[in-house]
Amino acid sequence: MKRLLSVLFFLLYFEIGVLLLLIPWTGIWTKNYFVNHPPWMATMVKNYFFRGAVSGIGLADMWLAAYELWHLWRRASN
């Protein structure tokens, strides 16, 4: 059961990481109704530093997924 849960965590972390890494640099990010509705939020979200921060969180999630996979592999070898 622990292995299944670890694999599910790996898939979840990796998928969220990839999405957070790529979505800020696509058209979906700028053509969003909820982002463009309040003007202050539109200027903040379209800022490249904010996009980079969100992409950094995505990289951290991918790093967490790699750690989870390494931890799973290490437990399986013992």
C-alpha atoms as a PDB file:
ATOM      1  CA  MET A   1       0.000   0.000   0.000  1.00  0.00           C
ATOM      2  CA  LYS A   2       2.872   2.383   0.780  1.00  0.00           C
ATOM      3  CA  ARG A   3       4.379   1.790  -2.654  1.00  0.00           C
ATOM      4  CA  LEU A   4       1.111   2.596  -4.396  1.00  0.00           C
ATOM      5  CA  LEU A   5       0.730   5.751  -2.350  1.00  0.00           C
ATOM      6  CA  SER A   6       4.318   6.776  -3.130  1.00  0.00           C
ATOM      7  CA  VAL A   7       3.758   6.252  -6.850  1.00  0.00           C
ATOM      8  CA  LEU A   8       0.561   8.311  -6.697  1.00  0.00           C
ATOM      9  CA  PHE A   9       2.397  11.096  -4.854  1.00  0.00           C
ATOM     10  CA  PHE A  10       5.148  10.995  -7.469  1.00  0.00           C
ATOM     11  CA  LEU A  11       2.635  11.304 -10.313  1.00  0.00           C
ATOM     12  CA  LEU A  12       0.751  14.094  -8.569  1.00  0.00           C
ATOM     13  CA  TYR A  13       3.869  16.122  -7.730  1.00  0.00           C
ATOM     14  CA  PHE A  14       5.345  15.658 -11.183  1.00  0.00           C
ATOM     15  CA  GLU A  15       2.132  16.599 -12.996  1.00  0.00           C
ATOM     16  CA  ILE A  16       1.550  19.696 -10.889  1.00  0.00           C
ATOM     17  CA  GLY A  17       5.208  20.652 -11.346  1.00  0.00           C
ATOM     18  CA  VAL A  18       5.038  20.387 -15.128  1.00  0.00           C
ATOM     19  CA  LEU A  19       1.812  22.384 -15.242  1.00  0.00           C
ATOM     20  CA  LEU A  20       3.194  25.131 -13.007  1.00  0.00           C
ATOM     21  CA  LEU A  21       6.378  25.214 -15.045  1.00  0.00           C
ATOM     22  CA  LEU A  22       4.712  25.544 -18.455  1.00  0.00           C
ATOM     23  CA  ILE A  23       1.305  27.227 -18.025  1.00  0.00           C
ATOM     24  CA  PRO A  24       2.599  30.710 -17.070  1.00  0.00           C
ATOM     25  CA  TRP A  25       4.323  30.983 -20.450  1.00  0.00           C
ATOM     26  CA  THR A  26       1.325  30.000 -22.607  1.00  0.00           C
ATOM     27  CA  GLY A  27      -1.682  31.918 -23.859  1.00  0.00           C
ATOM     28  CA  ILE A  28      -3.935  30.256 -21.297  1.00  0.00           C
ATOM     29  CA  TRP A  29      -2.239  32.327 -18.610  1.00  0.00           C
ATOM     30  CA  THR A  30      -2.948  35.707 -20.199  1.00  0.00           C
ATOM     31  CA  LYS A  31      -6.358  34.997 -21.748  1.00  0.00           C
ATOM     32  CA  ASN A  32      -8.021  33.991 -18.497  1.00  0.00           C
ATOM     33  CA  TYR A  33     -11.249  35.759 -17.490  1.00  0.00           C
ATOM     34  CA  PHE A  34     -10.539  35.535 -13.773  1.00  0.00           C
ATOM     35  CA  VAL A  35      -7.103  37.077 -14.189  1.00  0.00           C
ATOM     36  CA  ASN A  36      -8.200  39.893 -16.500  1.00  0.00           C
ATOM     37  CA  HIS A  37     -11.292  40.892 -14.520  1.00  0.00           C
ATOM     38  CA  PRO A  38      -9.600  42.901 -11.724  1.00  0.00           C
ATOM     39  CA  PRO A  39      -7.048  45.249 -13.342  1.00  0.00           C
ATOM     40  CA  TRP A  40      -4.541  45.044 -10.479  1.00  0.00           C
ATOM     41  CA  MET A  41      -4.398  41.280 -10.765  1.00  0.00           C
ATOM     42  CA  ALA A  42      -3.895  41.394 -14.539  1.00  0.00           C
ATOM     43  CA  THR A  43      -0.816  43.592 -14.206  1.00  0.00           C
ATOM     44  CA  MET A  44       0.624  41.428 -11.438  1.00  0.00           C
ATOM     45  CA  VAL A  45       0.051  38.089 -13.172  1.00  0.00           C
ATOM     46  CA  LYS A  46       1.422  39.274 -16.524  1.00  0.00           C
ATOM     47  CA  ASN A  47       4.669  40.338 -14.853  1.00  0.00           C
ATOM     48  CA  TYR A  48       7.611  38.141 -15.880  1.00  0.00           C
ATOM     49  CA  PHE A  49       8.943  37.963 -12.326  1.00  0.00           C
ATOM     50  CA  PHE A  50       5.620  36.541 -11.119  1.00  0.00           C
ATOM     51  CA  ARG A  51       5.603  34.018 -13.950  1.00  0.00           C
ATOM     52  CA  GLY A  52       9.135  33.026 -13.035  1.00  0.00           C
ATOM     53  CA  ALA A  53       8.161  32.568  -9.403  1.00  0.00           C
ATOM     54  CA  VAL A  54       5.281  30.270 -10.384  1.00  0.00           C
ATOM     55  CA  SER A  55       7.628  28.332 -12.662  1.00  0.00           C
ATOM     56  CA  GLY A  56      10.074  28.061  -9.758  1.00  0.00           C
ATOM     57  CA  ILE A  57       7.359  26.507  -7.630  1.00  0.00           C
ATOM     58  CA  GLY A  58       6.794  24.061 -10.480  1.00  0.00           C
ATOM     59  CA  LEU A  59      10.492  23.160 -10.475  1.00  0.00           C
ATOM     60  CA  ALA A  60      10.340  22.635  -6.718  1.00  0.00           C
ATOM     61  CA  ASP A  61       7.393  20.283  -7.183  1.00  0.00           C
ATOM     62  CA  MET A  62       9.301  18.341  -9.826  1.00  0.00           C
ATOM     63  CA  TRP A  63      12.271  18.125  -7.451  1.00  0.00           C
ATOM     64  CA  LEU A  64       9.927  16.794  -4.758  1.00  0.00           C
ATOM     65  CA  ALA A  65       8.643  14.184  -7.230  1.00  0.00           C
ATOM     66  CA  ALA A  66      12.210  13.089  -7.997  1.00  0.00           C
ATOM     67  CA  TYR A  67      12.924  12.810  -4.271  1.00  0.00           C
ATOM     68  CA  GLU A  68       9.781  10.741  -3.762  1.00  0.00           C
ATOM     69  CA  LEU A  69      10.809   8.408  -6.594  1.00  0.00           C
ATOM     70  CA  TRP A  70      14.330   8.101  -5.184  1.00  0.00           C
ATOM     71  CA  HIS A  71      12.923   7.392  -1.737  1.00  0.00           C
ATOM     72  CA  LEU A  72      10.618   4.719  -3.187  1.00  0.00           C
ATOM     73  CA  TRP A  73      13.511   3.093  -5.051  1.00  0.00           C
ATOM     74  CA  ARG A  74      15.659   3.138  -1.919  1.00  0.00           C
ATOM     75  CA  ARG A  75      12.938   1.476   0.184  1.00  0.00           C
ATOM     76  CA  ALA A  76      12.371  -1.171  -2.495  1.00  0.00           C
ATOM     77  CA  SER A  77      16.056  -2.102  -2.577  1.00  0.00           C
ATOM     78  CA  ASN A  78      16.181  -2.687   1.204  1.00  0.00           C
END
